[in-house]
């Protein structure tokens, strides 16, 4: 296998062969899921725990579906009713999980680095389902799979990542993956929502949507993460949409066959217009959700094999 790591904590640092392995395996799971033959015995007898310290619908549900379709015993731990909410530390939680002898641990946490800390303390393979403003690796993988299936390639494409890049772990994972695979990546948004010295990540920064979208093959919109923002970073929602929201007029500056993406959940009328979001010819937002299950099946498959190889 080209993927040799025990965990999946970040896209940063992954080599192209490792990324290609996960995407190729995910492709096979897309075909399997569409055939209706989704139940397999690959993870029979293994336990997958979804440990989400932040609310999620798409990510948690798709990991649950992925685990069940591979035959795993899946447990969703509700942090709001768990000992964590009563003051238990993250390390105490790690010791508890170790005592349960789980095999795969999916973690979403509001603090950057929390999954990496757990990975040092538990025996299970840990998958980062989003940590703070750091990374969200499986989202970037499913975005890449969606792009590759629609465009036939990833290398050489022009990708515009637009909106709240500063607070977006999705943006960071996508920047690492797409630049590693040879894309021309631009980030577009108000100066207050772009990281300082973002060009060091190998991207070009634009503050004007029309300039940033010029000739783009892919337009990837991001949610305004108001829960992570200080006041005053953006004007009113109406003004934000006027300058940086995606509508048909702004999309016209991208290539005629440009695809529109969004990790969800969408704020319609803030970062994206409904006409664009629901355009069957340009929008692949629903397809991204489907690819998410296949990618997470591939990740669970790969990490379970890595564990068996290490044993």
C-alpha atoms as a PDB file:
ATOM      1  CA  UNK A   1       0.000   0.000   0.000  1.00  0.00           C
ATOM      2  CA  UNK A   2       1.129   3.540  -0.761  1.00  0.00           C
ATOM      3  CA  UNK A   3      -0.465   4.773   2.486  1.00  0.00           C
ATOM      4  CA  UNK A   4       1.817   3.761   5.363  1.00  0.00           C
ATOM      5  CA  UNK A   5       0.613   5.859   8.293  1.00  0.00           C
ATOM      6  CA  UNK A   6      -1.391   4.498  11.217  1.00  0.00           C
ATOM      7  CA  UNK A   7      -3.592   7.610  11.449  1.00  0.00           C
ATOM      8  CA  UNK A   8      -5.106  10.259   9.174  1.00  0.00           C
ATOM      9  CA  UNK A   9      -4.590  13.527  11.019  1.00  0.00           C
ATOM     10  CA  UNK A  10      -3.860  15.962   8.181  1.00  0.00           C
ATOM     11  CA  UNK A  11      -3.336  16.283   4.446  1.00  0.00           C
ATOM     12  CA  UNK A  12      -0.176  18.319   4.989  1.00  0.00           C
ATOM     13  CA  UNK A  13       2.764  15.982   4.616  1.00  0.00           C
ATOM     14  CA  UNK A  14       0.988  13.319   2.552  1.00  0.00           C
ATOM     15  CA  UNK A  15       2.790  12.411  -0.658  1.00  0.00           C
ATOM     16  CA  UNK A  16       0.934  12.148  -4.004  1.00  0.00           C
ATOM     17  CA  UNK A  17       1.042   8.286  -4.031  1.00  0.00           C
ATOM     18  CA  UNK A  18      -0.698   8.159  -0.631  1.00  0.00           C
ATOM     19  CA  UNK A  19      -3.392  10.579  -1.801  1.00  0.00           C
ATOM     20  CA  UNK A  20      -3.812   8.655  -5.060  1.00  0.00           C
ATOM     21  CA  UNK A  21      -4.200   5.385  -3.132  1.00  0.00           C
ATOM     22  CA  UNK A  22      -7.074   6.801  -1.068  1.00  0.00           C
ATOM     23  CA  UNK A  23      -8.785   8.349  -4.105  1.00  0.00           C
ATOM     24  CA  UNK A  24      -8.460   5.177  -6.196  1.00  0.00           C
ATOM     25  CA  UNK A  25      -9.851   3.021  -3.398  1.00  0.00           C
ATOM     26  CA  UNK A  26     -12.679   5.498  -2.830  1.00  0.00           C
ATOM     27  CA  UNK A  27     -13.523   5.266  -6.546  1.00  0.00           C
ATOM     28  CA  UNK A  28     -14.088   1.538  -6.153  1.00  0.00           C
ATOM     29  CA  UNK A  29     -16.417   2.211  -3.212  1.00  0.00           C
ATOM     30  CA  UNK A  30     -18.451   4.689  -5.265  1.00  0.00           C
ATOM     31  CA  UNK A  31     -19.139   1.913  -7.755  1.00  0.00           C
ATOM     32  CA  UNK A  32     -19.883  -0.592  -4.985  1.00  0.00           C
ATOM     33  CA  UNK A  33     -22.325   1.764  -3.237  1.00  0.00           C
ATOM     34  CA  UNK A  34     -24.132   2.545  -6.480  1.00  0.00           C
ATOM     35  CA  UNK A  35     -24.485  -1.157  -7.230  1.00  0.00           C
ATOM     36  CA  UNK A  36     -26.405  -1.677  -3.988  1.00  0.00           C
ATOM     37  CA  UNK A  37     -23.912  -4.280  -2.735  1.00  0.00           C
ATOM     38  CA  UNK A  38     -22.773  -2.157   0.178  1.00  0.00           C
ATOM     39  CA  UNK A  39     -22.439  -4.588   3.077  1.00  0.00           C
ATOM     40  CA  UNK A  40     -19.004  -6.171   3.385  1.00  0.00           C
ATOM     41  CA  UNK A  41     -17.163  -8.166   6.029  1.00  0.00           C
ATOM     42  CA  UNK A  42     -13.939  -6.180   5.907  1.00  0.00           C
ATOM     43  CA  UNK A  43     -14.390  -4.619   9.362  1.00  0.00           C
ATOM     44  CA  UNK A  44     -16.444  -7.384  10.955  1.00  0.00           C
ATOM     45  CA  UNK A  45     -15.485  -7.666  14.618  1.00  0.00           C
ATOM     46  CA  UNK A  46     -13.904  -4.208  14.665  1.00  0.00           C
ATOM     47  CA  UNK A  47     -15.246  -1.214  16.573  1.00  0.00           C
ATOM     48  CA  UNK A  48     -15.506   2.323  15.231  1.00  0.00           C
ATOM     49  CA  UNK A  49     -16.213   5.143  17.674  1.00  0.00           C
ATOM     50  CA  UNK A  50     -17.365   8.547  16.440  1.00  0.00           C
ATOM     51  CA  UNK A  51     -16.281  11.064  19.083  1.00  0.00           C
ATOM     52  CA  UNK A  52     -17.635  14.480  18.128  1.00  0.00           C
ATOM     53  CA  UNK A  53     -17.035  17.424  20.440  1.00  0.00           C
ATOM     54  CA  UNK A  54     -18.662  19.720  17.846  1.00  0.00           C
ATOM     55  CA  UNK A  55     -22.011  19.292  16.136  1.00  0.00           C
ATOM     56  CA  UNK A  56     -21.997  17.706  12.706  1.00  0.00           C
ATOM     57  CA  UNK A  57     -24.548  16.127  10.420  1.00  0.00           C
ATOM     58  CA  UNK A  58     -22.801  15.272   7.163  1.00  0.00           C
ATOM     59  CA  UNK A  59     -19.453  14.151   8.524  1.00  0.00           C
ATOM     60  CA  UNK A  60     -20.668  12.062  11.443  1.00  0.00           C
ATOM     61  CA  UNK A  61     -23.448  10.434   9.446  1.00  0.00           C
ATOM     62  CA  UNK A  62     -21.173   9.582   6.534  1.00  0.00           C
ATOM     63  CA  UNK A  63     -18.578   8.030   8.866  1.00  0.00           C
ATOM     64  CA  UNK A  64     -21.376   6.026  10.484  1.00  0.00           C
ATOM     65  CA  UNK A  65     -22.635   4.831   7.098  1.00  0.00           C
ATOM     66  CA  UNK A  66     -19.093   4.063   5.952  1.00  0.00           C
ATOM     67  CA  UNK A  67     -18.383   1.958   9.025  1.00  0.00           C
ATOM     68  CA  UNK A  68     -21.644   0.034   8.811  1.00  0.00           C
ATOM     69  CA  UNK A  69     -21.225  -0.656   5.095  1.00  0.00           C
ATOM     70  CA  UNK A  70     -17.862  -2.235   5.885  1.00  0.00           C
ATOM     71  CA  UNK A  71     -19.336  -4.346   8.672  1.00  0.00           C
ATOM     72  CA  UNK A  72     -17.916  -2.500  11.701  1.00  0.00           C
ATOM     73  CA  UNK A  73     -19.644  -2.075  15.038  1.00  0.00           C
ATOM     74  CA  UNK A  74     -20.270   1.685  15.120  1.00  0.00           C
ATOM     75  CA  UNK A  75     -20.734   3.693  18.311  1.00  0.00           C
ATOM     76  CA  UNK A  76     -21.627   7.386  18.318  1.00  0.00           C
ATOM     77  CA  UNK A  77     -20.530   9.015  21.563  1.00  0.00           C
ATOM     78  CA  UNK A  78     -22.611  12.045  22.493  1.00  0.00           C
ATOM     79  CA  UNK A  79     -20.213  14.469  24.145  1.00  0.00           C
ATOM     80  CA  UNK A  80     -23.044  16.668  25.420  1.00  0.00           C
ATOM     81  CA  UNK A  81     -24.207  13.827  27.695  1.00  0.00           C
ATOM     82  CA  UNK A  82     -20.833  12.212  28.374  1.00  0.00           C
ATOM     83  CA  UNK A  83     -18.284  12.507  31.154  1.00  0.00           C
ATOM     84  CA  UNK A  84     -16.393  15.028  29.014  1.00  0.00           C
ATOM     85  CA  UNK A  85     -19.180  17.516  29.562  1.00  0.00           C
ATOM     86  CA  UNK A  86     -18.863  16.876  33.299  1.00  0.00           C
ATOM     87  CA  UNK A  87     -15.226  17.933  33.404  1.00  0.00           C
ATOM     88  CA  UNK A  88     -13.315  14.867  32.222  1.00  0.00           C
ATOM     89  CA  UNK A  89     -10.083  15.840  30.462  1.00  0.00           C
ATOM     90  CA  UNK A  90      -9.137  14.778  26.964  1.00  0.00           C
ATOM     91  CA  UNK A  91      -6.438  12.485  28.362  1.00  0.00           C
ATOM     92  CA  UNK A  92      -8.940  10.868  30.737  1.00  0.00           C
ATOM     93  CA  UNK A  93     -11.123  10.240  27.707  1.00  0.00           C
ATOM     94  CA  UNK A  94      -8.160   8.646  25.922  1.00  0.00           C
ATOM     95  CA  UNK A  95      -7.592   6.247  28.804  1.00  0.00           C
ATOM     96  CA  UNK A  96     -11.286   5.342  28.810  1.00  0.00           C
ATOM     97  CA  UNK A  97     -11.270   4.667  25.064  1.00  0.00           C
ATOM     98  CA  UNK A  98      -8.176   2.505  25.421  1.00  0.00           C
ATOM     99  CA  UNK A  99      -9.946   0.417  28.036  1.00  0.00           C
ATOM    100  CA  UNK A 100     -12.774  -0.137  25.528  1.00  0.00           C
ATOM    101  CA  UNK A 101     -10.287  -1.545  22.966  1.00  0.00           C
ATOM    102  CA  UNK A 102     -11.775   0.288  20.007  1.00  0.00           C
ATOM    103  CA  UNK A 103     -10.025  -0.114  16.653  1.00  0.00           C
ATOM    104  CA  UNK A 104     -10.897   3.111  14.815  1.00  0.00           C
ATOM    105  CA  UNK A 105     -11.557   6.492  16.395  1.00  0.00           C
ATOM    106  CA  UNK A 106     -13.057   9.400  14.460  1.00  0.00           C
ATOM    107  CA  UNK A 107     -12.581  12.716  16.281  1.00  0.00           C
ATOM    108  CA  UNK A 108     -13.996  16.185  15.704  1.00  0.00           C
ATOM    109  CA  UNK A 109     -12.873  18.825  18.177  1.00  0.00           C
ATOM    110  CA  UNK A 110     -12.970  22.594  18.482  1.00  0.00           C
ATOM    111  CA  UNK A 111      -9.293  22.845  19.421  1.00  0.00           C
ATOM    112  CA  UNK A 112      -6.582  22.470  16.784  1.00  0.00           C
ATOM    113  CA  UNK A 113      -4.350  19.500  17.564  1.00  0.00           C
ATOM    114  CA  UNK A 114      -6.794  17.560  19.754  1.00  0.00           C
ATOM    115  CA  UNK A 115      -6.971  14.507  17.414  1.00  0.00           C
ATOM    116  CA  UNK A 116      -3.160  14.452  17.196  1.00  0.00           C
ATOM    117  CA  UNK A 117      -2.951  14.438  21.008  1.00  0.00           C
ATOM    118  CA  UNK A 118      -5.412  11.546  21.219  1.00  0.00           C
ATOM    119  CA  UNK A 119      -3.435   9.664  18.564  1.00  0.00           C
ATOM    120  CA  UNK A 120      -0.418   9.736  20.894  1.00  0.00           C
ATOM    121  CA  UNK A 121      -2.407   8.250  23.766  1.00  0.00           C
ATOM    122  CA  UNK A 122      -4.734   5.626  22.254  1.00  0.00           C
ATOM    123  CA  UNK A 123      -4.053   2.328  20.541  1.00  0.00           C
ATOM    124  CA  UNK A 124      -6.766   2.888  17.918  1.00  0.00           C
ATOM    125  CA  UNK A 125      -6.193   4.402  14.502  1.00  0.00           C
ATOM    126  CA  UNK A 126      -7.338   8.031  14.740  1.00  0.00           C
ATOM    127  CA  UNK A 127      -9.057   9.940  11.948  1.00  0.00           C
ATOM    128  CA  UNK A 128      -9.314  13.707  12.170  1.00  0.00           C
ATOM    129  CA  UNK A 129     -12.875  14.749  11.312  1.00  0.00           C
ATOM    130  CA  UNK A 130     -12.025  18.433  11.765  1.00  0.00           C
ATOM    131  CA  UNK A 131     -10.014  20.142  14.502  1.00  0.00           C
ATOM    132  CA  UNK A 132     -10.379  23.837  15.231  1.00  0.00           C
ATOM    133  CA  UNK A 133      -9.083  25.881  12.316  1.00  0.00           C
ATOM    134  CA  UNK A 134      -6.386  23.307  11.503  1.00  0.00           C
ATOM    135  CA  UNK A 135      -7.515  20.620   9.031  1.00  0.00           C
ATOM    136  CA  UNK A 136     -10.384  18.446   7.789  1.00  0.00           C
ATOM    137  CA  UNK A 137      -8.576  15.830   5.683  1.00  0.00           C
ATOM    138  CA  UNK A 138     -11.486  13.643   4.560  1.00  0.00           C
ATOM    139  CA  UNK A 139     -13.345  16.712   3.256  1.00  0.00           C
ATOM    140  CA  UNK A 140     -10.392  17.593   1.029  1.00  0.00           C
ATOM    141  CA  UNK A 141     -10.218  13.994  -0.200  1.00  0.00           C
ATOM    142  CA  UNK A 142     -13.900  13.891  -1.102  1.00  0.00           C
ATOM    143  CA  UNK A 143     -13.583  17.254  -2.850  1.00  0.00           C
ATOM    144  CA  UNK A 144     -10.630  15.914  -4.839  1.00  0.00           C
ATOM    145  CA  UNK A 145     -12.546  12.770  -5.776  1.00  0.00           C
ATOM    146  CA  UNK A 146     -15.514  14.862  -6.931  1.00  0.00           C
ATOM    147  CA  UNK A 147     -13.225  17.022  -9.069  1.00  0.00           C
ATOM    148  CA  UNK A 148     -11.362  14.062 -10.562  1.00  0.00           C
ATOM    149  CA  UNK A 149     -14.561  12.231 -11.487  1.00  0.00           C
ATOM    150  CA  UNK A 150     -16.023  15.312 -13.188  1.00  0.00           C
ATOM    151  CA  UNK A 151     -12.876  16.709 -14.821  1.00  0.00           C
ATOM    152  CA  UNK A 152     -10.929  13.502 -15.397  1.00  0.00           C
ATOM    153  CA  UNK A 153      -7.859  14.971 -13.698  1.00  0.00           C
ATOM    154  CA  UNK A 154      -6.709  17.240 -10.896  1.00  0.00           C
ATOM    155  CA  UNK A 155      -3.267  18.365 -12.011  1.00  0.00           C
ATOM    156  CA  UNK A 156      -3.218  21.694 -13.847  1.00  0.00           C
ATOM    157  CA  UNK A 157      -6.713  22.826 -12.862  1.00  0.00           C
ATOM    158  CA  UNK A 158      -7.340  26.361 -11.624  1.00  0.00           C
ATOM    159  CA  UNK A 159      -9.202  26.256  -8.299  1.00  0.00           C
ATOM    160  CA  UNK A 160     -10.611  29.331  -6.541  1.00  0.00           C
ATOM    161  CA  UNK A 161     -11.328  28.866  -2.820  1.00  0.00           C
ATOM    162  CA  UNK A 162     -13.590  31.734  -1.798  1.00  0.00           C
ATOM    163  CA  UNK A 163     -14.808  33.230   1.443  1.00  0.00           C
ATOM    164  CA  UNK A 164     -13.799  32.706   5.053  1.00  0.00           C
ATOM    165  CA  UNK A 165     -10.406  31.101   4.454  1.00  0.00           C
ATOM    166  CA  UNK A 166      -9.044  32.387   7.776  1.00  0.00           C
ATOM    167  CA  UNK A 167     -11.246  30.164   9.932  1.00  0.00           C
ATOM    168  CA  UNK A 168     -11.672  27.265   7.506  1.00  0.00           C
ATOM    169  CA  UNK A 169     -10.040  23.904   8.166  1.00  0.00           C
ATOM    170  CA  UNK A 170     -11.594  22.759   4.887  1.00  0.00           C
ATOM    171  CA  UNK A 171      -9.662  25.459   3.033  1.00  0.00           C
ATOM    172  CA  UNK A 172      -6.383  24.468   4.658  1.00  0.00           C
ATOM    173  CA  UNK A 173      -6.737  20.796   3.813  1.00  0.00           C
ATOM    174  CA  UNK A 174      -7.774  21.606   0.260  1.00  0.00           C
ATOM    175  CA  UNK A 175      -4.854  24.003  -0.208  1.00  0.00           C
ATOM    176  CA  UNK A 176      -2.394  21.318   0.902  1.00  0.00           C
ATOM    177  CA  UNK A 177      -3.963  18.618  -1.272  1.00  0.00           C
ATOM    178  CA  UNK A 178      -4.525  20.652  -4.423  1.00  0.00           C
ATOM    179  CA  UNK A 179      -1.096  22.289  -4.425  1.00  0.00           C
ATOM    180  CA  UNK A 180       0.523  18.905  -3.807  1.00  0.00           C
ATOM    181  CA  UNK A 181      -1.290  17.535  -6.849  1.00  0.00           C
ATOM    182  CA  UNK A 182      -0.286  20.441  -9.094  1.00  0.00           C
ATOM    183  CA  UNK A 183      -3.272  22.792  -9.148  1.00  0.00           C
ATOM    184  CA  UNK A 184      -3.213  26.565  -9.576  1.00  0.00           C
ATOM    185  CA  UNK A 185      -4.914  27.518  -6.307  1.00  0.00           C
ATOM    186  CA  UNK A 186      -6.277  30.991  -5.603  1.00  0.00           C
ATOM    187  CA  UNK A 187      -7.878  32.161  -2.366  1.00  0.00           C
ATOM    188  CA  UNK A 188     -10.477  34.901  -2.652  1.00  0.00           C
ATOM    189  CA  UNK A 189     -12.076  36.998   0.064  1.00  0.00           C
ATOM    190  CA  UNK A 190     -11.890  40.171   2.125  1.00  0.00           C
ATOM    191  CA  UNK A 191      -8.490  40.902   3.647  1.00  0.00           C
ATOM    192  CA  UNK A 192      -9.935  40.312   7.126  1.00  0.00           C
ATOM    193  CA  UNK A 193     -10.798  36.690   6.216  1.00  0.00           C
ATOM    194  CA  UNK A 194      -7.548  35.658   4.540  1.00  0.00           C
ATOM    195  CA  UNK A 195      -4.642  34.404   6.688  1.00  0.00           C
ATOM    196  CA  UNK A 196      -1.583  36.627   6.893  1.00  0.00           C
ATOM    197  CA  UNK A 197       1.100  35.602   4.394  1.00  0.00           C
ATOM    198  CA  UNK A 198      -1.222  32.971   2.915  1.00  0.00           C
ATOM    199  CA  UNK A 199       0.890  33.014  -0.274  1.00  0.00           C
ATOM    200  CA  UNK A 200       3.519  31.002   1.624  1.00  0.00           C
ATOM    201  CA  UNK A 201       1.188  28.018   1.190  1.00  0.00           C
ATOM    202  CA  UNK A 202       1.704  28.211  -2.571  1.00  0.00           C
ATOM    203  CA  UNK A 203      -1.501  30.049  -3.451  1.00  0.00           C
ATOM    204  CA  UNK A 204      -2.371  33.438  -4.914  1.00  0.00           C
ATOM    205  CA  UNK A 205      -4.585  35.811  -2.941  1.00  0.00           C
ATOM    206  CA  UNK A 206      -7.346  37.995  -4.397  1.00  0.00           C
ATOM    207  CA  UNK A 207      -9.698  40.438  -2.708  1.00  0.00           C
ATOM    208  CA  UNK A 208     -11.893  40.900  -5.789  1.00  0.00           C
ATOM    209  CA  UNK A 209     -14.170  37.973  -6.705  1.00  0.00           C
ATOM    210  CA  UNK A 210     -14.191  38.676 -10.409  1.00  0.00           C
ATOM    211  CA  UNK A 211     -10.401  38.772 -10.639  1.00  0.00           C
ATOM    212  CA  UNK A 212     -10.056  35.654  -8.501  1.00  0.00           C
ATOM    213  CA  UNK A 213     -12.571  33.668 -10.546  1.00  0.00           C
ATOM    214  CA  UNK A 214     -11.150  34.643 -13.935  1.00  0.00           C
ATOM    215  CA  UNK A 215     -10.562  31.424 -15.867  1.00  0.00           C
ATOM    216  CA  UNK A 216     -11.197  29.131 -12.879  1.00  0.00           C
ATOM    217  CA  UNK A 217     -12.088  25.474 -13.465  1.00  0.00           C
ATOM    218  CA  UNK A 218     -13.412  25.002  -9.929  1.00  0.00           C
ATOM    219  CA  UNK A 219     -15.128  27.523  -7.653  1.00  0.00           C
ATOM    220  CA  UNK A 220     -15.138  26.306  -4.060  1.00  0.00           C
ATOM    221  CA  UNK A 221     -17.253  28.416  -1.707  1.00  0.00           C
ATOM    222  CA  UNK A 222     -16.816  28.421   2.067  1.00  0.00           C
ATOM    223  CA  UNK A 223     -19.257  29.020   4.895  1.00  0.00           C
ATOM    224  CA  UNK A 224     -18.887  32.152   6.989  1.00  0.00           C
ATOM    225  CA  UNK A 225     -17.891  30.686  10.365  1.00  0.00           C
ATOM    226  CA  UNK A 226     -19.410  33.321  12.579  1.00  0.00           C
ATOM    227  CA  UNK A 227     -18.956  31.124  15.662  1.00  0.00           C
ATOM    228  CA  UNK A 228     -15.163  31.495  15.293  1.00  0.00           C
ATOM    229  CA  UNK A 229     -15.126  35.175  14.312  1.00  0.00           C
ATOM    230  CA  UNK A 230     -14.393  38.328  16.210  1.00  0.00           C
ATOM    231  CA  UNK A 231     -16.815  41.161  15.538  1.00  0.00           C
ATOM    232  CA  UNK A 232     -16.073  43.546  12.723  1.00  0.00           C
ATOM    233  CA  UNK A 233     -14.362  41.093  10.370  1.00  0.00           C
ATOM    234  CA  UNK A 234     -17.152  41.342   7.797  1.00  0.00           C
ATOM    235  CA  UNK A 235     -19.836  43.890   6.941  1.00  0.00           C
ATOM    236  CA  UNK A 236     -23.519  42.959   6.988  1.00  0.00           C
ATOM    237  CA  UNK A 237     -24.618  39.715   5.317  1.00  0.00           C
ATOM    238  CA  UNK A 238     -26.114  41.749   2.470  1.00  0.00           C
ATOM    239  CA  UNK A 239     -22.878  43.633   1.852  1.00  0.00           C
ATOM    240  CA  UNK A 240     -20.832  40.445   2.112  1.00  0.00           C
ATOM    241  CA  UNK A 241     -22.959  38.765  -0.549  1.00  0.00           C
ATOM    242  CA  UNK A 242     -22.699  41.803  -2.787  1.00  0.00           C
ATOM    243  CA  UNK A 243     -18.906  41.654  -2.878  1.00  0.00           C
ATOM    244  CA  UNK A 244     -17.971  38.034  -2.147  1.00  0.00           C
ATOM    245  CA  UNK A 245     -21.120  35.942  -2.531  1.00  0.00           C
ATOM    246  CA  UNK A 246     -21.298  33.691  -5.599  1.00  0.00           C
ATOM    247  CA  UNK A 247     -24.058  34.536  -8.052  1.00  0.00           C
ATOM    248  CA  UNK A 248     -24.488  33.924 -11.776  1.00  0.00           C
ATOM    249  CA  UNK A 249     -22.820  37.225 -12.693  1.00  0.00           C
ATOM    250  CA  UNK A 250     -19.624  36.518 -10.758  1.00  0.00           C
ATOM    251  CA  UNK A 251     -19.576  32.874 -11.870  1.00  0.00           C
ATOM    252  CA  UNK A 252     -19.538  34.171 -15.434  1.00  0.00           C
ATOM    253  CA  UNK A 253     -15.884  35.146 -14.968  1.00  0.00           C
ATOM    254  CA  UNK A 254     -14.907  31.493 -14.446  1.00  0.00           C
ATOM    255  CA  UNK A 255     -14.707  29.023 -17.320  1.00  0.00           C
ATOM    256  CA  UNK A 256     -18.019  28.089 -18.934  1.00  0.00           C
ATOM    257  CA  UNK A 257     -17.733  24.537 -17.627  1.00  0.00           C
ATOM    258  CA  UNK A 258     -16.504  25.531 -14.157  1.00  0.00           C
ATOM    259  CA  UNK A 259     -17.859  23.438 -11.285  1.00  0.00           C
ATOM    260  CA  UNK A 260     -19.328  24.949  -8.114  1.00  0.00           C
ATOM    261  CA  UNK A 261     -18.560  23.307  -4.768  1.00  0.00           C
ATOM    262  CA  UNK A 262     -19.468  23.913  -1.128  1.00  0.00           C
ATOM    263  CA  UNK A 263     -18.639  21.750   1.923  1.00  0.00           C
ATOM    264  CA  UNK A 264     -21.940  22.624   3.610  1.00  0.00           C
ATOM    265  CA  UNK A 265     -23.926  23.659   5.428  1.00  0.00           C
ATOM    266  CA  UNK A 266     -24.716  26.518   3.043  1.00  0.00           C
ATOM    267  CA  UNK A 267     -25.790  30.021   4.004  1.00  0.00           C
ATOM    268  CA  UNK A 268     -27.916  30.792   0.962  1.00  0.00           C
ATOM    269  CA  UNK A 269     -27.913  34.455   0.098  1.00  0.00           C
ATOM    270  CA  UNK A 270     -24.719  35.021   2.110  1.00  0.00           C
ATOM    271  CA  UNK A 271     -21.902  33.094   0.430  1.00  0.00           C
ATOM    272  CA  UNK A 272     -23.888  31.539  -2.421  1.00  0.00           C
ATOM    273  CA  UNK A 273     -27.045  32.250  -4.400  1.00  0.00           C
ATOM    274  CA  UNK A 274     -29.674  29.502  -4.609  1.00  0.00           C
ATOM    275  CA  UNK A 275     -29.756  29.724  -8.400  1.00  0.00           C
ATOM    276  CA  UNK A 276     -26.070  28.759  -8.523  1.00  0.00           C
ATOM    277  CA  UNK A 277     -26.193  26.227  -5.674  1.00  0.00           C
ATOM    278  CA  UNK A 278     -29.043  24.332  -7.340  1.00  0.00           C
ATOM    279  CA  UNK A 279     -27.794  24.553 -10.942  1.00  0.00           C
ATOM    280  CA  UNK A 280     -27.677  20.894 -12.121  1.00  0.00           C
ATOM    281  CA  UNK A 281     -25.127  21.687 -14.831  1.00  0.00           C
ATOM    282  CA  UNK A 282     -22.584  23.485 -12.628  1.00  0.00           C
ATOM    283  CA  UNK A 283     -23.170  22.552  -8.980  1.00  0.00           C
ATOM    284  CA  UNK A 284     -21.660  19.322  -7.617  1.00  0.00           C
ATOM    285  CA  UNK A 285     -22.619  20.006  -4.000  1.00  0.00           C
ATOM    286  CA  UNK A 286     -24.911  16.966  -3.736  1.00  0.00           C
ATOM    287  CA  UNK A 287     -22.272  14.796  -5.386  1.00  0.00           C
ATOM    288  CA  UNK A 288     -19.783  15.891  -2.736  1.00  0.00           C
ATOM    289  CA  UNK A 289     -22.039  14.329  -0.094  1.00  0.00           C
ATOM    290  CA  UNK A 290     -22.123  11.018  -1.976  1.00  0.00           C
ATOM    291  CA  UNK A 291     -18.345  11.040  -2.417  1.00  0.00           C
ATOM    292  CA  UNK A 292     -17.968  11.608   1.324  1.00  0.00           C
ATOM    293  CA  UNK A 293     -19.267   8.134   2.180  1.00  0.00           C
ATOM    294  CA  UNK A 294     -16.981   6.470  -0.377  1.00  0.00           C
ATOM    295  CA  UNK A 295     -13.904   8.392   0.765  1.00  0.00           C
ATOM    296  CA  UNK A 296     -14.538   7.572   4.411  1.00  0.00           C
ATOM    297  CA  UNK A 297     -14.983   3.904   3.523  1.00  0.00           C
ATOM    298  CA  UNK A 298     -11.601   4.044   1.789  1.00  0.00           C
ATOM    299  CA  UNK A 299      -9.979   5.682   4.818  1.00  0.00           C
ATOM    300  CA  UNK A 300     -11.438   3.143   7.261  1.00  0.00           C
ATOM    301  CA  UNK A 301     -10.416   0.295   4.952  1.00  0.00           C
ATOM    302  CA  UNK A 302      -6.863   1.625   4.591  1.00  0.00           C
ATOM    303  CA  UNK A 303      -6.252   2.323   8.263  1.00  0.00           C
ATOM    304  CA  UNK A 304      -7.654  -1.055   9.295  1.00  0.00           C
ATOM    305  CA  UNK A 305      -5.240  -2.730   6.886  1.00  0.00           C
ATOM    306  CA  UNK A 306      -2.370  -0.617   8.213  1.00  0.00           C
ATOM    307  CA  UNK A 307      -3.240  -1.801  11.685  1.00  0.00           C
ATOM    308  CA  UNK A 308      -3.223  -5.426  10.606  1.00  0.00           C
ATOM    309  CA  UNK A 309       0.105  -4.943   8.842  1.00  0.00           C
ATOM    310  CA  UNK A 310       1.620  -3.409  11.971  1.00  0.00           C
ATOM    311  CA  UNK A 311       0.315  -6.155  14.232  1.00  0.00           C
END
